[in-house]
Amino acid sequence: MYKNIDKTLSYRVFSGGPLVCIFTKSSKEVPDGMTAAWSCPFDPDVLLLVLDKEHTTSENIRHTKKFVVALPSEEQKKTALDLGSVHGRDVGNKLQIKDVKTEKSQKFGLDVMSGALAYFECELQDEKLFEEKGICLSKVVNVYVKDDCWDDKEECFNPGIKRTLHHVAGSTFCSGGDLV
């Protein structure tokens, strides 16, 4: 038996990809971070993110064309919620106000959450698509994975690593099939 649900809830059934945290810097050098639930690979070295075009993070991406996409672990749920709870334009330095522990990304030197499973230094690939639709094609320049999480032989995450978060609704997430 199946139950017919409201079609506007399709995205809750078909989760696009892991929850990500996106880090940028404004033209005035103010660091910013946000949480995004709509993410997936597009090409082997291109990520697809769907972002609200009016958010500070989107404005920063349009301005600098560079940003960092972090893959938080299950243990970083609170940080992900904190980054999604306020707008940078309303509070200024959101990372400082929310006491987000950061480190500098290796090439771009942007703030990125400490302890993420991995992070991707990206450049905006299609400005027009992003401007018109909020679809951010993110060309990966570098990807960094925590040493203890990666299997060089199999070229994938090690079995049993800390699990990624997937947004379900509100403050509900799943990780490894379990609600967290």
Protein backbone atom coordinates (compact mmCIF):
# COMPACT_ATOMS: atom_id res chain seq x y z
CA MET A 1 0.00 0.00 0.00
CA TYR A 2 1.12 3.55 -0.74
CA LYS A 3 -0.06 6.86 0.63
CA ASN A 4 -0.47 9.87 -1.68
CA ILE A 5 1.06 12.96 -0.08
CA ASP A 6 1.15 16.62 -1.07
CA LYS A 7 3.41 17.00 -4.11
CA THR A 8 5.06 20.06 -2.55
CA LEU A 9 6.67 17.63 -0.08
CA SER A 10 8.50 15.77 -2.88
CA TYR A 11 11.84 17.20 -1.81
CA ARG A 12 11.42 15.64 1.64
CA VAL A 13 11.03 12.20 0.09
CA PHE A 14 13.75 12.63 -2.53
CA SER A 15 16.65 14.17 -0.65
CA GLY A 16 19.09 15.69 -3.12
CA GLY A 17 22.30 15.24 -1.26
CA PRO A 18 24.05 15.94 2.00
CA LEU A 19 23.49 19.12 3.91
CA VAL A 20 26.36 21.54 3.26
CA CYS A 21 27.66 24.71 4.85
CA ILE A 22 28.85 27.40 2.46
CA PHE A 23 31.45 29.97 3.45
CA THR A 24 32.20 33.28 1.73
CA LYS A 25 33.65 36.69 2.39
CA SER A 26 32.02 40.02 1.53
CA SER A 27 33.62 42.85 -0.43
CA LYS A 28 34.30 44.40 3.00
CA GLU A 29 36.11 41.22 4.12
CA VAL A 30 33.30 40.12 6.49
CA PRO A 31 33.20 36.30 6.70
CA ASP A 32 29.84 34.61 6.20
CA GLY A 33 28.42 31.10 6.31
CA MET A 34 25.09 29.50 5.55
CA THR A 35 23.54 26.07 5.49
CA ALA A 36 22.03 24.65 2.30
CA ALA A 37 20.02 21.46 1.97
CA TRP A 38 19.85 21.26 -1.82
CA SER A 39 23.17 19.96 -3.08
CA CYS A 40 24.42 17.21 -5.37
CA PRO A 41 27.27 16.37 -7.75
CA PHE A 42 26.72 17.73 -11.26
CA ASP A 43 29.94 16.61 -12.95
CA PRO A 44 32.95 14.87 -11.42
CA ASP A 45 34.44 18.24 -10.44
CA VAL A 46 31.30 20.40 -10.30
CA LEU A 47 28.84 20.62 -7.42
CA LEU A 48 25.29 21.87 -7.87
CA LEU A 49 23.84 24.01 -5.08
CA VAL A 50 20.45 25.70 -4.98
CA LEU A 51 20.59 28.95 -3.00
CA ASP A 52 18.22 31.81 -2.30
CA LYS A 53 19.37 34.58 -4.64
CA GLU A 54 18.75 37.25 -1.99
CA HIS A 55 20.94 35.77 0.74
CA THR A 56 24.16 37.46 1.78
CA THR A 57 26.09 34.33 0.83
CA SER A 58 24.69 34.50 -2.72
CA GLU A 59 25.62 38.17 -2.98
CA ASN A 60 29.15 37.34 -1.82
CA ILE A 61 29.46 34.51 -4.35
CA ARG A 62 28.33 36.81 -7.17
CA HIS A 63 30.86 39.43 -6.05
CA THR A 64 33.97 37.30 -5.36
CA LYS A 65 33.19 34.18 -7.46
CA LYS A 66 34.99 32.11 -4.78
CA PHE A 67 33.55 30.13 -1.87
CA VAL A 68 34.02 27.03 0.24
CA VAL A 69 31.48 24.20 0.57
CA ALA A 70 31.91 22.16 3.77
CA LEU A 71 30.47 18.74 4.50
CA PRO A 72 29.50 18.75 8.19
CA SER A 73 29.34 15.56 10.21
CA GLU A 74 26.40 14.36 12.27
CA GLU A 75 28.09 15.85 15.33
CA GLN A 76 27.98 19.32 13.72
CA LYS A 77 24.19 19.51 13.53
CA LYS A 78 24.05 22.44 15.99
CA THR A 79 26.55 24.46 13.95
CA ALA A 80 24.57 23.75 10.78
CA LEU A 81 21.38 24.91 12.50
CA ASP A 82 23.14 28.02 13.86
CA LEU A 83 24.39 28.99 10.40
CA GLY A 84 20.88 28.64 9.03
CA SER A 85 19.15 30.54 11.83
CA VAL A 86 20.12 34.16 11.06
CA HIS A 87 20.89 36.28 8.01
CA GLY A 88 24.35 37.78 7.67
CA ARG A 89 22.84 41.07 6.51
CA ASP A 90 21.01 41.35 9.84
CA VAL A 91 23.86 40.47 12.20
CA GLY A 92 27.14 41.22 10.41
CA ASN A 93 29.73 38.57 11.20
CA LYS A 94 27.48 35.55 11.69
CA LEU A 95 30.42 33.23 12.37
CA GLN A 96 31.51 35.37 15.31
CA ILE A 97 28.00 35.91 16.68
CA LYS A 98 27.20 32.17 16.54
CA ASP A 99 30.68 31.27 17.87
CA VAL A 100 31.42 28.98 14.91
CA LYS A 101 34.87 27.44 15.25
CA THR A 102 36.73 27.98 11.99
CA GLU A 103 40.02 27.46 10.23
CA LYS A 104 41.29 28.93 6.96
CA SER A 105 40.78 27.01 3.73
CA GLN A 106 44.13 26.00 2.27
CA LYS A 107 44.15 27.88 -1.06
CA PHE A 108 41.48 30.59 -0.81
CA GLY A 109 42.12 31.46 2.84
CA LEU A 110 38.38 31.66 3.56
CA ASP A 111 36.96 30.74 6.95
CA VAL A 112 35.52 27.22 7.00
CA MET A 113 34.04 25.26 9.91
CA SER A 114 36.62 23.29 11.86
CA GLY A 115 36.13 19.54 11.92
CA ALA A 116 34.11 19.18 8.71
CA LEU A 117 34.43 15.77 7.07
CA ALA A 118 35.58 17.50 3.89
CA TYR A 119 35.52 20.85 2.19
CA PHE A 120 35.63 22.03 -1.41
CA GLU A 121 37.17 25.30 -2.58
CA CYS A 122 34.97 26.35 -5.49
CA GLU A 123 34.54 29.02 -8.13
CA LEU A 124 31.23 30.10 -9.63
CA GLN A 125 30.93 28.48 -13.05
CA ASP A 126 27.75 29.94 -14.60
CA GLU A 127 26.97 33.47 -13.41
CA LYS A 128 23.83 33.85 -15.54
CA LEU A 129 22.23 30.62 -14.29
CA PHE A 130 22.97 31.62 -10.69
CA GLU A 131 21.61 35.13 -11.17
CA GLU A 132 18.41 33.97 -12.88
CA LYS A 133 17.58 30.71 -11.06
CA GLY A 134 19.70 30.51 -7.90
CA ILE A 135 21.38 27.39 -9.27
CA CYS A 136 25.04 27.61 -8.35
CA LEU A 137 27.29 25.44 -10.48
CA SER A 138 30.39 25.22 -8.32
CA LYS A 139 33.63 24.34 -10.10
CA VAL A 140 35.81 22.49 -7.59
CA VAL A 141 39.33 23.93 -7.51
CA ASN A 142 40.49 21.82 -4.54
CA VAL A 143 38.89 19.22 -2.29
CA TYR A 144 40.23 18.35 1.15
CA VAL A 145 39.10 15.32 3.18
CA LYS A 146 40.03 14.57 6.80
CA ASP A 147 42.91 12.09 6.80
CA ASP A 148 41.15 9.50 8.94
CA CYS A 149 38.02 9.58 6.77
CA TRP A 150 39.51 8.69 3.38
CA ASP A 151 40.59 5.35 1.91
CA ASP A 152 43.27 6.07 -0.71
CA LYS A 153 43.10 2.56 -2.16
CA GLU A 154 39.33 2.52 -2.71
CA GLU A 155 39.19 6.30 -3.33
CA CYS A 156 36.15 6.76 -1.10
CA PHE A 157 35.18 7.47 2.49
CA ASN A 158 36.25 4.81 4.98
CA PRO A 159 33.48 2.52 6.27
CA GLY A 160 32.12 3.66 9.62
CA ILE A 161 33.15 7.30 9.31
CA LYS A 162 31.14 10.02 10.97
CA ARG A 163 27.93 10.25 9.03
CA THR A 164 26.78 13.16 6.85
CA LEU A 165 23.58 15.08 7.58
CA HIS A 166 20.55 15.19 5.29
CA HIS A 167 17.78 17.72 5.92
CA VAL A 168 14.28 16.29 6.40
CA ALA A 169 12.19 19.22 7.69
CA GLY A 170 12.62 22.06 10.17
CA SER A 171 15.30 21.00 12.63
CA THR A 172 14.96 17.30 11.75
CA PHE A 173 17.80 15.58 9.94
CA CYS A 174 18.69 12.03 9.05
CA SER A 175 22.12 10.47 9.06
CA GLY A 176 22.77 6.94 7.89
CA GLY A 177 19.01 6.38 7.67
CA ASP A 178 18.38 7.39 11.30
CA LEU A 179 16.57 10.56 12.37
CA VAL A 180 18.84 12.84 14.38
